[in-house]
Structures are given as structure tokens and as C-alpha cells.
Protein backbone atom coordinates (compact mmCIF):
# COMPACT_ATOMS: atom_id res chain seq x y z
CA MET A 1 -33.20 41.92 64.78
CA GLU A 2 -36.38 43.71 65.86
CA ILE A 3 -38.87 44.37 63.06
CA SER A 4 -41.98 46.50 63.57
CA HIS A 5 -44.81 44.52 62.02
CA THR A 6 -48.58 44.76 62.36
CA PRO A 7 -50.46 41.70 61.05
CA VAL A 8 -53.02 42.67 58.42
CA MET A 9 -56.72 41.99 59.11
CA LEU A 10 -55.83 40.23 62.34
CA GLU A 11 -59.29 40.38 63.94
CA GLU A 12 -60.92 39.06 60.77
CA THR A 13 -58.50 36.14 60.54
CA ILE A 14 -59.17 35.25 64.17
CA GLN A 15 -62.94 35.56 63.70
CA TYR A 16 -63.02 33.20 60.72
CA LEU A 17 -60.10 30.86 61.45
CA ALA A 18 -60.30 30.43 65.22
CA PRO A 19 -59.96 26.78 66.32
CA ARG A 20 -63.28 25.07 67.02
CA SER A 21 -61.92 22.25 69.17
CA ALA A 22 -58.93 21.51 71.38
CA GLY A 23 -55.64 20.35 69.87
CA GLU A 24 -56.17 21.70 66.37
CA LEU A 25 -53.28 22.23 63.96
CA MET A 26 -52.93 25.42 61.96
CA VAL A 27 -50.49 26.01 59.11
CA ASP A 28 -49.27 29.57 58.68
CA ALA A 29 -48.19 29.12 55.08
CA THR A 30 -46.59 32.57 54.86
CA LEU A 31 -44.98 32.95 58.28
CA GLY A 32 -42.97 36.12 57.65
CA GLU A 33 -42.19 37.88 60.92
CA GLY A 34 -44.71 35.63 62.70
CA GLY A 35 -47.31 38.29 63.54
CA HIS A 36 -50.42 36.23 62.82
CA SER A 37 -48.95 33.12 64.44
CA TYR A 38 -48.04 35.06 67.57
CA ALA A 39 -51.60 36.32 67.93
CA PHE A 40 -53.18 32.90 67.39
CA LEU A 41 -50.82 31.13 69.79
CA SER A 42 -51.43 33.81 72.43
CA ARG A 43 -55.22 33.66 72.20
CA PHE A 44 -55.66 29.89 71.82
CA PRO A 45 -53.42 28.03 74.30
CA GLU A 46 -54.19 24.55 72.91
CA LEU A 47 -53.54 25.45 69.28
CA ARG A 48 -50.43 24.17 67.50
CA ILE A 49 -48.93 25.84 64.43
CA VAL A 50 -46.54 24.93 61.63
CA GLY A 51 -44.95 28.10 60.23
CA ILE A 52 -43.51 28.06 56.71
CA ASP A 53 -41.15 30.49 55.01
CA ALA A 54 -38.66 30.15 52.16
CA ASP A 55 -36.37 32.89 53.48
CA PRO A 56 -34.01 31.64 56.23
CA ALA A 57 -33.25 35.18 57.41
CA ILE A 58 -36.84 36.12 58.08
CA GLN A 59 -37.63 32.73 59.58
CA GLU A 60 -34.89 33.33 62.13
CA ILE A 61 -36.68 36.52 63.17
CA ALA A 62 -39.93 34.56 63.57
CA ARG A 63 -38.17 31.83 65.58
CA GLU A 64 -36.95 34.41 68.07
CA ARG A 65 -40.33 36.10 68.27
CA LEU A 66 -42.21 32.82 68.84
CA ARG A 67 -39.66 31.17 71.12
CA GLU A 68 -41.91 31.53 74.20
CA PHE A 69 -44.44 29.09 72.73
CA GLY A 70 -42.02 26.16 72.81
CA ASP A 71 -43.11 23.03 70.97
CA ARG A 72 -46.51 24.48 70.07
CA ILE A 73 -44.81 26.06 67.04
CA HIS A 74 -42.81 24.11 64.47
CA PHE A 75 -40.94 25.61 61.53
CA TYR A 76 -40.56 24.46 57.94
CA SER A 77 -37.90 26.07 55.75
CA GLY A 78 -38.96 26.09 52.12
CA TRP A 79 -41.88 26.86 49.84
CA SER A 80 -45.37 26.18 51.16
CA HIS A 81 -46.34 24.25 48.05
CA ASP A 82 -43.57 21.72 48.73
CA PHE A 83 -44.75 21.28 52.32
CA PHE A 84 -48.37 20.59 51.33
CA ALA A 85 -47.48 18.43 48.33
CA GLU A 86 -45.35 16.18 50.52
CA LEU A 87 -47.05 16.58 53.90
CA PRO A 88 -44.63 15.11 56.46
CA ARG A 89 -45.89 11.76 57.74
CA ASN A 90 -45.46 12.77 61.36
CA ILE A 91 -47.81 15.75 60.97
CA LYS A 92 -51.60 15.43 60.90
CA ARG A 93 -53.66 17.16 58.26
CA PRO A 94 -54.06 20.83 59.16
CA ASP A 95 -57.44 21.98 60.47
CA THR A 96 -56.75 25.55 59.38
CA ILE A 97 -54.52 27.16 56.76
CA LEU A 98 -53.70 30.86 56.59
CA MET A 99 -51.93 32.58 53.70
CA ASP A 100 -50.96 36.25 53.84
CA LEU A 101 -49.55 36.94 50.39
CA GLY A 102 -48.14 40.37 51.18
CA VAL A 103 -44.42 41.09 51.09
CA SER A 104 -43.02 41.25 54.60
CA VAL A 105 -41.91 44.45 56.30
CA TYR A 106 -38.47 42.85 56.68
CA HIS A 107 -37.98 42.62 52.93
CA TYR A 108 -38.89 46.28 52.46
CA GLU A 109 -37.00 47.72 55.42
CA GLN A 110 -34.12 45.36 56.17
CA GLY A 111 -33.83 42.83 53.36
CA GLU A 112 -31.32 44.82 51.27
CA ARG A 113 -32.48 43.02 48.14
CA GLY A 114 -34.03 45.85 46.17
CA PHE A 115 -37.69 45.29 47.06
CA SER A 116 -38.02 48.99 47.86
CA PHE A 117 -37.10 51.99 45.75
CA ARG A 118 -36.91 54.19 48.85
CA MET A 119 -33.34 53.01 49.43
CA ASP A 120 -30.57 52.24 46.96
CA GLU A 121 -30.08 48.49 47.22
CA GLU A 122 -28.85 45.66 45.04
CA LEU A 123 -31.62 44.80 42.58
CA ASP A 124 -32.17 41.18 43.60
CA MET A 125 -35.79 40.67 44.78
CA ARG A 126 -35.47 36.91 45.33
CA ILE A 127 -37.13 35.53 48.45
CA ASP A 128 -34.85 32.49 48.26
CA THR A 129 -31.47 33.88 47.22
CA SER A 130 -30.02 30.41 46.66
CA ARG A 131 -31.83 29.88 43.38
CA GLY A 132 -33.15 31.61 40.28
CA GLN A 133 -32.46 34.86 38.46
CA SER A 134 -32.28 38.19 40.24
CA ALA A 135 -34.30 41.17 39.02
CA ALA A 136 -31.09 42.74 37.69
CA ASP A 137 -30.36 39.56 35.72
CA LEU A 138 -33.88 39.56 34.32
CA ILE A 139 -33.95 43.13 33.03
CA ALA A 140 -30.46 42.68 31.59
CA VAL A 141 -31.55 39.98 29.14
CA LEU A 142 -35.27 40.25 28.40
CA PRO A 143 -36.15 41.58 24.94
CA GLU A 144 -38.11 44.83 25.00
CA ARG A 145 -41.45 43.29 24.03
CA GLU A 146 -41.19 40.51 26.62
CA LEU A 147 -40.26 43.03 29.28
CA ALA A 148 -43.26 45.20 28.39
CA ASP A 149 -45.55 42.16 28.53
CA LEU A 150 -44.13 41.21 31.92
CA LEU A 151 -44.82 44.68 33.33
CA TYR A 152 -48.37 44.67 32.02
CA GLN A 153 -49.31 41.09 32.88
CA ASN A 154 -47.82 41.11 36.39
CA ALA A 155 -48.82 44.60 37.46
CA GLU A 156 -51.21 46.01 34.84
CA GLU A 157 -48.73 48.84 34.27
CA ARG A 158 -50.36 51.21 31.75
CA TYR A 159 -47.00 52.58 30.57
CA SER A 160 -45.35 49.18 30.24
CA ARG A 161 -44.07 49.81 26.71
CA ARG A 162 -42.56 53.18 27.55
CA ILE A 163 -40.86 51.77 30.63
CA ALA A 164 -39.55 48.70 28.82
CA LYS A 165 -38.12 50.87 26.05
CA ALA A 166 -36.39 53.11 28.61
CA ILE A 167 -34.89 50.13 30.44
CA VAL A 168 -33.56 48.58 27.24
CA GLU A 169 -32.07 51.92 26.19
CA ALA A 170 -30.46 52.48 29.62
CA ARG A 171 -28.85 49.04 29.77
CA LYS A 172 -26.85 49.82 26.64
CA TYR A 173 -24.68 51.99 28.86
CA GLY A 174 -24.20 49.46 31.64
CA ARG A 175 -25.91 46.99 33.92
CA ILE A 176 -28.87 48.33 35.93
CA ALA A 177 -27.81 46.89 39.27
CA GLY A 178 -29.48 49.08 41.89
CA SER A 179 -33.06 49.81 42.92
CA ALA A 180 -32.56 53.59 42.85
CA ALA A 181 -31.24 53.50 39.28
CA LEU A 182 -34.23 51.48 38.09
CA ALA A 183 -36.70 53.74 39.89
CA ASP A 184 -35.11 56.77 38.25
CA ILE A 185 -35.30 55.22 34.78
CA VAL A 186 -38.98 54.43 35.28
CA SER A 187 -39.77 57.89 36.65
CA ARG A 188 -38.14 59.63 33.71
CA SER A 189 -39.95 57.46 31.16
CA VAL A 190 -43.55 58.19 32.19
CA PRO A 191 -45.67 61.35 31.79
CA ALA A 192 -45.26 64.09 34.39
CA ALA A 193 -48.82 63.62 35.66
CA TYR A 194 -48.05 59.96 36.43
CA ARG A 195 -44.87 60.95 38.27
CA HIS A 196 -46.88 63.11 40.65
CA GLY A 197 -49.74 60.66 41.24
CA PRO A 198 -50.79 59.09 44.56
CA ILE A 199 -48.24 56.26 44.27
CA HIS A 200 -44.62 56.28 43.13
CA PRO A 201 -44.43 55.69 39.35
CA ALA A 202 -42.06 52.74 39.86
CA THR A 203 -44.41 50.88 42.22
CA ARG A 204 -45.97 48.65 39.58
CA THR A 205 -42.64 47.98 37.85
CA PHE A 206 -41.13 46.76 41.10
CA GLN A 207 -44.23 44.65 41.79
CA ALA A 208 -44.08 43.07 38.35
CA LEU A 209 -40.39 42.19 38.65
CA ARG A 210 -40.81 40.76 42.14
CA ILE A 211 -43.68 38.57 40.95
CA ALA A 212 -41.65 37.37 37.96
CA VAL A 213 -38.45 36.69 39.90
CA ASN A 214 -40.26 34.60 42.51
CA GLY A 215 -42.83 33.04 40.17
CA GLU A 216 -45.55 34.27 42.50
CA LEU A 217 -48.62 33.97 40.27
CA LEU A 218 -47.60 30.60 38.82
CA ARG A 219 -46.72 29.34 42.28
CA LEU A 220 -50.00 30.59 43.79
CA GLN A 221 -52.25 28.34 41.70
CA ASP A 222 -50.17 25.28 42.62
CA LEU A 223 -50.09 26.34 46.26
CA LEU A 224 -53.88 26.66 46.47
CA GLU A 225 -54.36 23.20 44.95
CA ALA A 226 -51.82 21.55 47.24
CA ALA A 227 -53.07 23.32 50.36
CA LEU A 228 -56.71 22.44 49.77
CA GLY A 229 -55.73 18.84 49.11
CA ALA A 230 -53.89 18.69 52.44
CA LEU A 231 -56.61 20.42 54.47
CA GLU A 232 -58.64 18.28 56.87
CA PRO A 233 -62.27 17.88 55.72
CA GLY A 234 -64.31 20.39 57.70
CA GLY A 235 -61.26 22.64 57.98
CA ARG A 236 -60.97 26.23 56.82
CA MET A 237 -58.53 28.02 54.54
CA GLY A 238 -58.17 31.81 54.48
CA VAL A 239 -56.14 33.85 52.00
CA ILE A 240 -55.18 37.53 52.22
CA THR A 241 -54.23 39.13 48.90
CA PHE A 242 -52.88 42.59 48.12
CA HIS A 243 -53.41 43.17 44.41
CA SER A 244 -56.08 42.36 41.86
CA LEU A 245 -54.10 39.69 40.01
CA GLU A 246 -53.64 37.59 43.16
CA ASP A 247 -57.22 38.12 44.26
CA ARG A 248 -58.57 37.08 40.87
CA ILE A 249 -56.66 33.80 41.04
CA VAL A 250 -57.90 33.09 44.58
CA LYS A 251 -61.49 34.11 43.80
CA ASN A 252 -61.68 31.94 40.68
CA PHE A 253 -60.03 28.99 42.42
CA PHE A 254 -62.50 29.09 45.32
CA ARG A 255 -65.49 29.53 43.02
CA ASN A 256 -64.46 26.60 40.84
CA LYS A 257 -64.04 24.39 43.90
CA ASN A 258 -67.55 25.46 44.96
CA LYS A 259 -69.07 24.03 41.75
CA ASP A 260 -70.21 20.49 40.98
CA CYS A 261 -69.26 20.87 37.32
CA THR A 262 -66.57 22.98 35.67
CA CYS A 263 -67.24 21.98 32.06
CA PRO A 264 -67.71 24.81 29.53
CA PRO A 265 -71.33 26.04 29.36
CA GLU A 266 -71.62 24.85 25.75
CA ALA A 267 -70.76 21.23 26.68
CA PRO A 268 -73.85 19.00 26.09
CA ILE A 269 -73.02 16.73 29.04
CA CYS A 270 -70.71 16.87 32.04
CA ARG A 271 -67.42 15.14 31.38
CA CYS A 272 -65.34 16.55 34.23
CA GLU A 273 -67.15 14.49 36.89
CA GLY A 274 -66.47 17.40 39.19
CA ARG A 275 -67.66 17.57 42.77
CA ARG A 276 -68.07 20.61 44.94
CA ILE A 277 -65.43 20.35 47.65
CA VAL A 278 -65.67 23.69 49.46
CA ASN A 279 -68.30 26.03 50.84
CA LEU A 280 -67.68 29.75 50.51
CA VAL A 281 -67.54 31.10 54.06
CA THR A 282 -67.12 34.63 52.72
CA ARG A 283 -69.29 35.10 49.64
CA LYS A 284 -67.35 38.27 48.81
CA ALA A 285 -63.87 39.35 49.79
CA LEU A 286 -63.60 41.12 53.13
CA ALA A 287 -61.70 44.41 53.30
CA PRO A 288 -59.91 45.99 56.27
CA SER A 289 -61.85 48.41 58.43
CA GLU A 290 -61.40 52.15 58.01
CA GLU A 291 -59.78 52.22 61.44
CA GLU A 292 -57.20 49.61 60.41
CA VAL A 293 -56.37 51.45 57.20
CA ARG A 294 -55.78 54.64 59.19
CA SER A 295 -53.53 52.92 61.72
CA ASN A 296 -51.81 50.56 59.25
CA PRO A 297 -51.80 52.10 55.73
CA PRO A 298 -50.20 49.03 54.02
CA SER A 299 -53.46 47.17 54.75
CA ARG A 300 -55.49 49.42 52.43
CA SER A 301 -55.40 47.05 49.44
CA ALA A 302 -55.88 43.81 51.40
CA LYS A 303 -58.70 41.38 50.63
CA PHE A 304 -59.55 38.30 52.69
CA ARG A 305 -61.40 35.22 51.42
CA VAL A 306 -62.27 32.06 53.36
CA VAL A 307 -63.56 28.63 52.37
CA GLU A 308 -64.45 25.52 54.35
CA LYS A 309 -63.63 22.08 52.98
CA ILE A 310 -66.69 19.86 52.78
CA LEU A 311 -66.78 16.79 55.01
CA GLU A 312 -66.25 13.65 52.94
CA GLU A 313 -69.62 12.19 53.98
CA ASP A 314 -71.30 15.37 52.69
CA VAL A 315 -69.93 14.90 49.17
CA VAL A 316 -72.62 13.28 47.07
CA ALA A 317 -71.48 11.10 44.18
């Protein structure tokens, strides 16, 4: 299957994550269609990559796309956190780690799992369809208040209570099983001005459900910890986020790892025995260029942050 996909902030990722010596290993922790990996393998002929994705269908697309690179690319089927937490013994520590936390084009255009409200699809939203609750299952059982909290906490949806009330009312008449039905319920529950705003009124609801179904925010914190632990000292880790909740987690994680002490300010003495283990390569998040946003509109909300793990001999006790 051919999927049209433009890697987000490609030139910036290459600028900050390019290999600095021969034979380096990069982990593409969110392989998707393989766009970033393809570019890195093409530009750096001695680079090797491990590509990770939890969705077998999309990984098959990446395998076909990257076939020409032979044994320079290896694939891991599963969640990135599991890979880093139990780094295979036959693989060296990665010198570079890239995470692009955006949802793939495949899932929006071909996944048929209800990620998009532009088509009427089964309301599933699971990346790994072999486990967990679907979005339809979730909205069928959550109490109204919990559903409203989910919409607000995962997407900062201002009309979360109205939308939750409308969903609970609608499910009295039957299961909400399709993406079009849910989008219609959301649209009818919000003020007219919101319906005619710059984004579809169901955008945040779909985001919130996708995050909940896949445990994205909970998984992200664990992923960052495991990835940094696996990274070779002196290596770099770059993360591309697409909404403020993700970026806040990444920003705070990197800043905390850039501190010698993380005790509360009111603590009389340091008890955490913390040590700074990264340098901030990008002091602030980088944004895509105006040219990229014009040519690739989905990049408009992207932010890119990079850290470098401190060499062990540079860590002062």
C-alpha cells in the first residue's frame, strides 16, 4: 500500500541528530511509515537504524519502503517503552533516539479505525488492536463526569461537560459505534460559533479519546525515562510533539534531567541526591518554518526538543 507521507521537521531532525561518527546506531522510536528513517539512511550510508512500531499493519508499509537498505534497518514490533526497558542484548546502546509523537497519515487515511471524522469508520482508535478497550467501548461505559474530565484533561476541550452530556444522552438510544455518529453528536452539542471555527468541533474530542484508548500521556513519561536510560552517554534524543499536553511533559522531563537537584524549593537540604544527566541542546522548542507549514499543513503545531546525555566522566558526584 502506498501512503503519501512527508516527515515533519525533517531538516531540523537531521541538523540536530545527524551521526557524528561512523557506525552509529539510531532508534526511530515511532517508525510509522518510515519517512524519517528513509531520509537518515539515504543521507548517512554508515548509519544503522532500529525502527519501532506497535501497529503490524503500518510496520509492513515501512518494511516495504525501507527494503532497499537491507540489514542497515532492523524492525521491532511492539511499544517503544518495552524495547528500551529490555534493550536486546545483541544491540548496542543507541547513539541517537528520535520520537515523532504525531499520529501517522496511515491511521487517518487508511487505518479504518475511526481516527478521523472525515470518513465514517468503526470507532476503535487503538494502535494495537489486539489489546485494550476501543473508543466505542470507552464512551459506552464511562459515567458523564469521568467522560467530561477525560475530554478536558486529554485535550483541554472547553465544552467537555456539554459534549459528555450529549454523548451520555445519545447512548441511551443505542451504541455509538461510528466516527461520523460521534462527530455529529459533538457538533450538535456545542455553540454555533464553535461549530464554524477554524478547526472541526470534534477535533479535541477525537484527540482526547485516542490519547485515552492508547494511554499516550501515561506511556510517554515511562517512554522518556526508559529511552534516556538506554541512550549512550554523549548521545542525543529528539522529540517532536503536536499538542501542548505532550510538549509540557517532554519540556518538564528534559528540564528536570538538566537539574542537579529536584527537591521542592522549601526543602532545607537536598535529599534526592539528583545529578544532572542531560544538556539542553535546544533551550526552547523549535517550530517548523513558515515554508514547511505552507507545504505540509499538519506540521503547523509541531514542536521539536533535543537533549544530549552527559558523558559519565562529566557527571560530578
